[in-house]
Amino acid sequence: METFNSCRFCGKPIQCKQGEKPWDVRKKVFCNQSCSAKMSNRSPKRPHSEVVKPCTDCGKEVRNSPGGRCASCWFKFRHETTGSLLKREVSRERISAHARRVIKNSLSSCLVCGYDFAVEAAHIKPVKSFPDDTPVREMNQPDNLLALCPNHHLEFDRGKLKLEDIPSRTRVAA
């Protein structure tokens, strides 16, 4: 067996094993995986570079942001872009999140019972009844949304609670 080079970690010669081609052995820099792992663990870790840039929208200092926006501007940007997308282009969860954001000021308590721990945005006209080419903004118009607790939301969606049964503040102010 011929020796072509030596291990970078332990210095032992890297031998050509039976069935190995000499040119494959020349490419190796460690004699085995153990030496490779030991060398990797011994090497000092490179510090992550921290990039500080101003937010593209508000100018606030942002660290390592791939989109170049601070958190509050990112949520605002995502809300605006979701509104312009079509129903077929977004998930149901994203439509619901957009609806919550549209009526976030009205989500303080359920319109029926006043429960305020968990309040959801319910659609008067169901999302499934809109065609696929409908913009999310149109589905989530404030006059199509109600602030309801999970129980009343379920009753409303299943037809147990009618729109007429909800007190006079049925519509959400924009």
Protein backbone atom coordinates (compact mmCIF):
# COMPACT_ATOMS: atom_id res chain seq x y z
CA MET A 1 0.00 0.00 0.00
CA GLU A 2 1.20 3.47 -0.88
CA THR A 3 1.15 6.59 1.28
CA PHE A 4 0.09 9.76 -0.45
CA ASN A 5 -0.51 12.33 2.26
CA SER A 6 -0.87 12.69 6.01
CA CYS A 7 -3.83 13.44 8.30
CA ARG A 8 -4.20 17.11 9.21
CA PHE A 9 -5.12 16.26 12.81
CA CYS A 10 -2.93 13.38 13.92
CA GLY A 11 -0.24 13.45 11.22
CA LYS A 12 -0.53 9.73 10.46
CA PRO A 13 -0.10 8.77 6.83
CA ILE A 14 -3.37 8.21 4.95
CA GLN A 15 -3.12 4.71 3.52
CA CYS A 16 -4.73 3.44 0.36
CA LYS A 17 -7.20 0.76 1.49
CA GLN A 18 -8.03 -2.30 -0.52
CA GLY A 19 -10.33 -1.40 -3.42
CA GLU A 20 -9.63 2.35 -3.18
CA LYS A 21 -8.16 4.21 -6.09
CA PRO A 22 -4.98 6.23 -5.37
CA TRP A 23 -6.52 9.47 -6.70
CA ASP A 24 -9.41 9.14 -4.20
CA VAL A 25 -6.93 8.86 -1.33
CA ARG A 26 -5.06 11.96 -2.50
CA LYS A 27 -8.27 14.00 -1.98
CA LYS A 28 -8.55 12.96 1.67
CA VAL A 29 -7.24 15.30 4.37
CA PHE A 30 -8.06 13.16 7.45
CA CYS A 31 -7.29 9.52 8.12
CA ASN A 32 -10.79 8.85 9.53
CA GLN A 33 -14.02 10.53 10.67
CA SER A 34 -12.82 10.70 14.25
CA CYS A 35 -9.85 12.92 13.33
CA SER A 36 -12.12 15.07 11.17
CA ALA A 37 -14.58 15.60 14.05
CA LYS A 38 -11.81 16.33 16.55
CA MET A 39 -10.32 18.94 14.21
CA SER A 40 -13.74 20.56 13.66
CA ASN A 41 -14.44 20.71 17.38
CA ARG A 42 -10.99 22.12 18.11
CA SER A 43 -11.27 24.95 15.60
CA PRO A 44 -12.39 28.26 17.03
CA LYS A 45 -15.93 29.11 16.09
CA ARG A 46 -16.28 32.06 13.78
CA PRO A 47 -18.38 34.82 15.33
CA HIS A 48 -21.62 35.58 13.56
CA SER A 49 -21.47 38.90 11.86
CA GLU A 50 -24.11 41.24 13.19
CA VAL A 51 -25.45 43.50 10.51
CA VAL A 52 -27.14 46.65 11.78
CA LYS A 53 -29.22 48.59 9.25
CA PRO A 54 -32.07 51.08 9.43
CA CYS A 55 -35.61 49.75 8.92
CA THR A 56 -36.68 50.42 5.32
CA ASP A 57 -40.03 51.82 6.51
CA CYS A 58 -39.50 53.68 9.80
CA GLY A 59 -35.70 54.07 10.00
CA LYS A 60 -35.41 52.31 13.40
CA GLU A 61 -32.19 50.29 13.92
CA VAL A 62 -32.65 46.63 12.88
CA ARG A 63 -30.21 43.77 13.52
CA ASN A 64 -29.82 40.83 11.13
CA SER A 65 -33.19 41.32 9.46
CA PRO A 66 -33.39 39.58 6.06
CA GLY A 67 -36.34 41.73 4.99
CA GLY A 68 -34.79 44.97 6.25
CA ARG A 69 -37.81 45.80 8.42
CA CYS A 70 -38.33 46.00 12.18
CA ALA A 71 -40.95 43.66 13.71
CA SER A 72 -43.78 46.20 13.79
CA CYS A 73 -43.17 47.31 10.19
CA TRP A 74 -42.89 43.67 9.09
CA PHE A 75 -46.35 42.84 10.51
CA LYS A 76 -47.82 45.96 8.92
CA PHE A 77 -46.19 45.08 5.58
CA ARG A 78 -47.43 41.47 5.77
CA HIS A 79 -50.96 42.69 6.60
CA GLU A 80 -50.97 45.03 3.60
CA THR A 81 -49.59 42.43 1.19
CA THR A 82 -52.01 39.76 2.43
CA GLY A 83 -54.92 42.09 1.72
CA SER A 84 -53.91 42.45 -1.90
CA LEU A 85 -53.46 38.71 -2.49
CA LEU A 86 -56.21 36.51 -3.89
CA LYS A 87 -58.00 33.82 -1.88
CA ARG A 88 -56.34 31.02 -3.87
CA GLU A 89 -52.87 32.42 -3.08
CA VAL A 90 -53.07 32.30 0.74
CA SER A 91 -53.85 29.77 3.43
CA ARG A 92 -56.98 29.83 5.56
CA GLU A 93 -54.85 30.63 8.61
CA ARG A 94 -53.41 33.70 6.90
CA ILE A 95 -56.91 34.89 5.94
CA SER A 96 -57.98 34.52 9.60
CA ALA A 97 -54.88 36.35 10.84
CA HIS A 98 -55.63 39.19 8.42
CA ALA A 99 -59.24 39.31 9.68
CA ARG A 100 -58.03 39.52 13.30
CA ARG A 101 -55.75 42.38 12.38
CA VAL A 102 -58.55 44.22 10.56
CA ILE A 103 -60.76 44.20 13.66
CA LYS A 104 -58.09 44.10 16.37
CA ASN A 105 -59.52 47.20 18.12
CA SER A 106 -62.96 45.54 18.31
CA LEU A 107 -61.66 42.22 19.61
CA SER A 108 -61.78 43.28 23.24
CA SER A 109 -64.89 41.19 24.03
CA CYS A 110 -67.53 38.95 22.48
CA LEU A 111 -70.46 40.87 21.00
CA VAL A 112 -72.93 38.34 22.44
CA CYS A 113 -71.77 37.50 25.96
CA GLY A 114 -68.95 39.94 26.69
CA TYR A 115 -66.37 37.18 27.26
CA ASP A 116 -62.95 38.79 26.86
CA PHE A 117 -60.30 36.12 27.40
CA ALA A 118 -60.35 34.64 23.88
CA VAL A 119 -62.06 36.56 21.09
CA GLU A 120 -62.06 35.57 17.42
CA ALA A 121 -62.94 37.24 14.14
CA ALA A 122 -65.99 35.55 12.60
CA HIS A 123 -66.99 36.09 8.97
CA ILE A 124 -70.65 36.92 8.35
CA LYS A 125 -70.37 35.72 4.75
CA PRO A 126 -68.25 32.54 4.96
CA VAL A 127 -64.80 32.53 3.33
CA LYS A 128 -65.69 29.39 1.37
CA SER A 129 -68.56 31.24 -0.37
CA PHE A 130 -66.15 33.71 -2.00
CA PRO A 131 -64.68 32.77 -5.42
CA ASP A 132 -60.98 31.89 -5.56
CA ASP A 133 -60.12 35.13 -7.38
CA THR A 134 -61.48 37.33 -4.55
CA PRO A 135 -58.89 39.55 -2.84
CA VAL A 136 -58.41 38.83 0.87
CA ARG A 137 -59.12 42.52 1.56
CA GLU A 138 -62.65 42.08 0.15
CA MET A 139 -63.39 39.00 2.28
CA ASN A 140 -62.14 40.76 5.40
CA GLN A 141 -64.10 44.00 5.07
CA PRO A 142 -65.00 45.27 8.55
CA ASP A 143 -68.72 45.01 7.74
CA ASN A 144 -68.25 41.26 7.10
CA LEU A 145 -66.57 40.59 10.47
CA LEU A 146 -67.84 40.00 14.00
CA ALA A 147 -65.90 39.77 17.27
CA LEU A 148 -67.12 36.56 18.97
CA CYS A 149 -65.87 34.20 21.66
CA PRO A 150 -64.95 30.68 20.45
CA ASN A 151 -68.31 29.22 21.58
CA HIS A 152 -70.43 31.87 19.86
CA HIS A 153 -68.18 31.75 16.79
CA LEU A 154 -68.82 28.02 16.49
CA GLU A 155 -72.56 28.50 17.03
CA PHE A 156 -72.60 31.28 14.41
CA ASP A 157 -70.70 29.15 11.87
CA ARG A 158 -72.99 26.15 12.47
CA GLY A 159 -76.18 28.24 12.16
CA LYS A 160 -77.25 27.99 15.83
CA LEU A 161 -76.70 31.72 16.34
CA LYS A 162 -78.32 34.05 13.80
CA LEU A 163 -77.07 37.51 12.88
CA GLU A 164 -80.34 38.93 14.20
CA ASP A 165 -79.61 37.38 17.65
CA ILE A 166 -76.43 39.42 18.02
CA PRO A 167 -76.96 42.78 19.79
CA SER A 168 -77.11 46.07 17.88
CA ARG A 169 -73.34 46.46 17.76
CA THR A 170 -73.18 43.63 15.22
CA ARG A 171 -70.95 45.42 12.75
CA VAL A 172 -67.37 46.27 13.52
CA ALA A 173 -66.28 49.87 13.09
CA ALA A 174 -63.45 50.32 10.60
